[in-house]
Every structure is written in C-alpha cells, then in structure tokens.
Protein backbone atom coordinates (compact mmCIF):
# COMPACT_ATOMS: atom_id res chain seq x y z
CA MET A 1 189.38 55.12 106.71
CA LYS A 2 185.71 54.38 107.13
CA LYS A 3 183.99 56.05 110.05
CA ILE A 4 181.72 53.14 111.00
CA LEU A 5 184.52 50.63 111.61
CA ILE A 6 184.94 49.19 115.04
CA PRO A 7 188.01 50.38 116.98
CA PHE A 8 189.73 47.01 116.66
CA PHE A 9 189.43 47.04 112.90
CA ILE A 10 190.63 50.64 112.77
CA ALA A 11 193.73 49.57 114.67
CA LEU A 12 194.36 46.79 112.18
CA LEU A 13 193.83 49.11 109.25
CA THR A 14 196.19 51.69 110.69
CA TYR A 15 198.82 49.00 111.07
CA SER A 16 198.37 47.92 107.45
CA CYS A 17 198.68 51.49 106.24
CA GLY A 18 202.08 51.72 107.86
CA GLN A 19 203.49 48.86 105.83
CA THR A 20 205.50 49.35 102.67
CA GLN A 21 203.20 48.84 99.71
CA ASN A 22 203.26 49.21 95.95
CA LYS A 23 203.25 52.90 94.97
CA THR A 24 203.56 52.39 91.23
CA GLU A 25 202.99 55.54 89.21
CA ILE A 26 200.78 54.82 86.23
CA LYS A 27 200.83 57.28 83.35
CA THR A 28 197.76 57.93 81.27
CA ASN A 29 198.97 56.58 77.93
CA GLN A 30 196.24 54.48 76.36
CA SER A 31 196.73 51.26 74.46
CA THR A 32 195.54 50.81 70.88
CA GLN A 33 192.71 48.48 71.90
CA LEU A 34 191.69 49.34 75.43
CA GLU A 35 191.16 52.82 76.84
CA LYS A 36 191.30 54.31 80.31
CA ALA A 37 188.96 56.56 82.26
CA TYR A 38 189.39 58.07 85.73
CA PHE A 39 186.83 58.89 88.41
CA ALA A 40 186.66 59.75 92.10
CA ALA A 41 183.37 59.17 93.89
CA GLY A 42 184.03 58.38 97.52
CA CYS A 43 185.62 55.22 98.89
CA PHE A 44 187.56 53.53 96.12
CA TRP A 45 186.58 50.10 97.45
CA CYS A 46 183.00 50.92 96.47
CA VAL A 47 183.77 52.65 93.18
CA GLU A 48 186.05 49.86 92.01
CA ALA A 49 183.37 47.21 92.61
CA ILE A 50 180.74 49.25 90.77
CA PHE A 51 182.79 49.76 87.62
CA GLU A 52 183.98 46.14 87.72
CA SER A 53 180.35 45.07 87.32
CA VAL A 54 179.89 47.01 84.06
CA ASN A 55 179.98 45.11 80.79
CA GLY A 56 182.95 46.16 78.69
CA VAL A 57 185.12 47.06 81.66
CA GLU A 58 188.21 44.86 81.69
CA GLU A 59 189.87 46.00 84.90
CA VAL A 60 189.56 48.65 87.59
CA ILE A 61 192.48 49.83 89.70
CA SER A 62 192.11 51.71 92.96
CA GLY A 63 194.45 54.62 93.50
CA TYR A 64 194.94 58.32 94.07
CA ALA A 65 194.51 61.28 91.73
CA GLY A 66 193.66 64.95 91.65
CA GLY A 67 196.50 66.08 93.88
CA THR A 68 199.98 67.50 93.49
CA GLN A 69 202.08 65.46 95.91
CA LYS A 70 204.24 62.71 94.47
CA ASN A 71 203.89 59.09 95.59
CA PRO A 72 200.93 59.51 97.95
CA THR A 73 200.23 56.74 100.45
CA TYR A 74 196.94 55.57 101.87
CA GLN A 75 197.94 56.70 105.33
CA LYS A 76 198.55 60.26 104.15
CA VAL A 77 195.53 60.44 101.84
CA SER A 78 193.10 58.91 104.34
CA TYR A 79 194.12 61.41 107.01
CA GLY A 80 193.68 64.33 104.61
CA LEU A 81 197.40 65.11 104.53
CA THR A 82 197.45 65.44 100.73
CA ASP A 83 195.08 67.00 98.20
CA HIS A 84 194.59 63.70 96.38
CA ALA A 85 191.23 61.94 96.21
CA GLU A 86 190.63 58.21 96.34
CA ALA A 87 190.10 57.41 92.67
CA VAL A 88 189.88 54.56 90.18
CA GLU A 89 191.41 53.85 86.81
CA VAL A 90 188.85 52.12 84.59
CA ILE A 91 190.33 50.07 81.75
CA TYR A 92 187.63 49.40 79.20
CA ASP A 93 186.85 48.22 75.69
CA PRO A 94 185.34 51.16 73.78
CA LYS A 95 183.71 48.70 71.39
CA LYS A 96 181.60 47.38 74.27
CA VAL A 97 181.07 50.44 76.45
CA SER A 98 181.47 54.11 75.64
CA PHE A 99 183.13 56.81 77.70
CA LYS A 100 179.76 58.55 77.86
CA THR A 101 178.21 55.47 79.45
CA LEU A 102 181.01 55.37 82.02
CA VAL A 103 180.27 58.97 82.95
CA GLU A 104 176.61 58.00 83.33
CA VAL A 105 177.70 55.14 85.62
CA PHE A 106 179.78 57.62 87.61
CA TYR A 107 176.89 60.01 88.16
CA GLY A 108 174.36 57.23 88.68
CA SER A 109 176.33 55.45 91.40
CA HIS A 110 177.05 58.22 93.89
CA ASP A 111 175.70 61.53 95.19
CA PRO A 112 177.48 64.33 93.28
CA THR A 113 175.78 67.02 95.39
CA THR A 114 177.65 66.39 98.65
CA LEU A 115 180.84 68.41 99.01
CA ASN A 116 183.84 66.45 100.30
CA ARG A 117 181.65 63.62 101.42
CA GLN A 118 180.17 60.37 100.21
CA GLY A 119 177.93 58.40 102.54
CA PRO A 120 179.65 57.97 105.91
CA ASP A 121 183.03 59.09 104.56
CA LYS A 122 183.97 62.74 105.08
CA GLY A 123 186.95 64.70 103.81
CA LYS A 124 188.39 66.10 100.60
CA GLN A 125 189.86 62.68 99.83
CA TYR A 126 186.27 61.50 99.16
CA ARG A 127 185.26 64.36 96.86
CA SER A 128 183.56 63.81 93.52
CA ILE A 129 185.78 64.27 90.44
CA ALA A 130 185.25 63.38 86.78
CA PHE A 131 188.60 63.36 85.02
CA TYR A 132 189.23 63.81 81.32
CA SER A 133 192.26 62.85 79.23
CA ASN A 134 191.44 64.79 76.07
CA GLU A 135 189.12 67.45 74.69
CA LYS A 136 186.49 64.94 73.53
CA GLU A 137 186.17 63.49 77.03
CA GLU A 138 186.02 66.98 78.53
CA VAL A 139 183.15 67.92 76.21
CA THR A 140 181.29 64.70 77.09
CA ILE A 141 181.65 65.26 80.84
CA ASN A 142 180.58 68.90 80.65
CA MET A 143 177.59 68.04 78.48
CA LEU A 144 176.32 65.27 80.76
CA THR A 145 177.00 67.30 83.88
CA LYS A 146 174.93 70.17 82.55
CA GLU A 147 172.09 67.87 81.48
CA LEU A 148 171.96 65.99 84.78
CA ASN A 149 172.28 69.17 86.81
CA GLN A 150 169.11 70.41 85.14
CA SER A 151 167.14 67.18 84.94
CA THR A 152 168.10 65.26 88.07
CA PHE A 153 170.16 67.17 90.63
CA ASP A 154 168.39 70.53 90.76
CA GLY A 155 171.55 72.48 90.00
CA LYS A 156 173.36 71.14 93.06
CA ILE A 157 176.21 69.14 91.48
CA VAL A 158 179.55 69.94 93.12
CA THR A 159 181.60 67.46 91.09
CA GLN A 160 184.98 68.75 89.99
CA ILE A 161 185.88 68.36 86.32
CA GLN A 162 189.60 68.32 85.71
CA GLN A 163 192.27 66.88 83.48
CA ILE A 164 193.98 63.77 84.75
CA GLU A 165 197.65 64.38 85.33
CA THR A 166 199.06 61.39 87.16
CA PHE A 167 197.28 58.40 88.64
CA TYR A 168 199.01 56.55 91.46
CA LYS A 169 198.06 52.94 92.06
CA ALA A 170 197.05 52.31 95.66
CA GLU A 171 198.70 49.74 97.88
CA ASP A 172 198.13 46.12 96.86
CA TYR A 173 195.78 45.29 99.72
CA HIS A 174 193.25 47.83 98.39
CA GLN A 175 192.88 46.13 95.01
CA ASN A 176 189.66 44.09 94.61
CA TYR A 177 189.02 44.87 98.26
CA GLU A 178 185.27 44.35 98.28
CA ARG A 179 185.50 40.97 96.54
CA LEU A 180 188.36 39.72 98.71
CA ASN A 181 187.01 41.00 102.03
CA PRO A 182 183.26 40.24 102.08
CA GLU A 183 183.18 39.98 105.88
CA ASN A 184 184.64 43.43 106.45
CA PRO A 185 182.08 45.57 108.37
CA TYR A 186 182.43 48.53 106.02
CA VAL A 187 182.06 46.31 102.98
CA GLN A 188 178.93 44.67 104.39
CA ASN A 189 177.28 47.89 105.54
CA VAL A 190 178.35 50.38 102.86
CA SER A 191 180.08 48.88 99.82
CA ILE A 192 177.77 45.95 99.08
CA PRO A 193 174.53 47.94 99.56
CA ARG A 194 175.91 50.68 97.31
CA LEU A 195 176.81 48.13 94.63
CA ASN A 196 173.38 46.50 94.87
CA ARG A 197 171.65 49.86 94.46
CA PHE A 198 173.66 50.46 91.32
CA LYS A 199 172.84 47.01 89.92
CA LYS A 200 169.14 47.55 90.53
CA LYS A 201 169.27 50.93 88.81
CA PHE A 202 171.35 49.87 85.77
CA PRO A 203 170.66 46.15 85.11
CA HIS A 204 171.16 46.64 81.36
CA LEU A 205 174.81 47.65 81.88
CA LEU A 206 175.87 44.65 83.94
CA LYS A 207 178.12 41.78 82.98
CA HIS A 208 176.33 38.46 82.58
C-alpha cells in the first residue's frame, strides 16, 4: 500500500490482503442520536487517527467509498483495480461537534490540491473526496470549499464533492491501525507525523 515500506513488510502486507476479511456493507442510515460523515483524504490509517482525536467523534471506521464495484477488497483497491477511494466513516455527536467543523478538519488535515495523491501515496484510491448525505451537508461542503479555495488554496482545490452511496467497511486488520501498530514503518514516518501536525494546528478541537 504505502510506497516507503521495506520489501519484507510489503510481502507481509500482500499476504494479509489475500486473507478472507470482513467486507460488511454499511448503509448510510443515521441513528437518532449520533450522525455519520464520510471523507477520503489519502491513507485511511492516517485519516482514521486524525478524526479519532477530535472531540465529539465517537468512532471512526476505515473503509472504501466513491466507487461502483460491490464488495471491494483492500487488495483490489490498493492496486487501483476499482474506482473506490480509501475512506472513513466518522460517527459523531452533533451536540459536541458540527458537520461544518468536521469538514474543516478534513480540509485542515490533508492537501486537497494534489490530484490522486496524498503524501507518498499515489493513485486514484488516495484521492480527496468530501461526501454528503443530504442537501444541508452538500451546501456546507460547497460553501467551505469555495471559501477555502479563495482564502487558503489559491483556487487549486481538486477535492471531489459527491453524494455517499454505499460505504464498505475495510478488513478488520485496518481498523485502529495506527494505534495498534505503532512500530510499523509507514505509521512512524507518515501517519504519526501527519497526526501531530493536525494536533498542533487544531489544539482546540482535540479530546482531553
């Protein structure tokens, strides 16, 4: 998956991808108390850890979205064999954190000006996507995208804005990957530094 990994680790990862894993399809129905938001911003290991650090976020699930194929697997997505992107499902308490703030976290924690790339990871599976579930969310995303494109990104945002159709949960070994695999070379060299940059930039949004 991650270009900087040593060959031995790549071999191990390839082996893991070939195993049978959970491919649960999760629909976008929201509960009465908690709500869900969906984003793609590069490696889902990194994105999951970032949103997990935000106050008001109850859970983050790594998965696949934005494509048309049914039941995508990590092996297929990581090799660019589907049109899905690595994505996350953010389950949050709207009384503690707003959807608008989550969109701000999304834009503030990755580079939305790089097409089909985030950091060392290249390919359409790492593209930037802000998903919406309803008209209100669509308006919020479009508004913030326009504002940030003018104020911060010099008109260079390439983020896709699209309605979430189906979110597929990734294989179990991807969940909480950064927290459970702190010695992984990619986690040490990419994920943790990216999370720390976010924390430094948005200390007021963090869990205590």
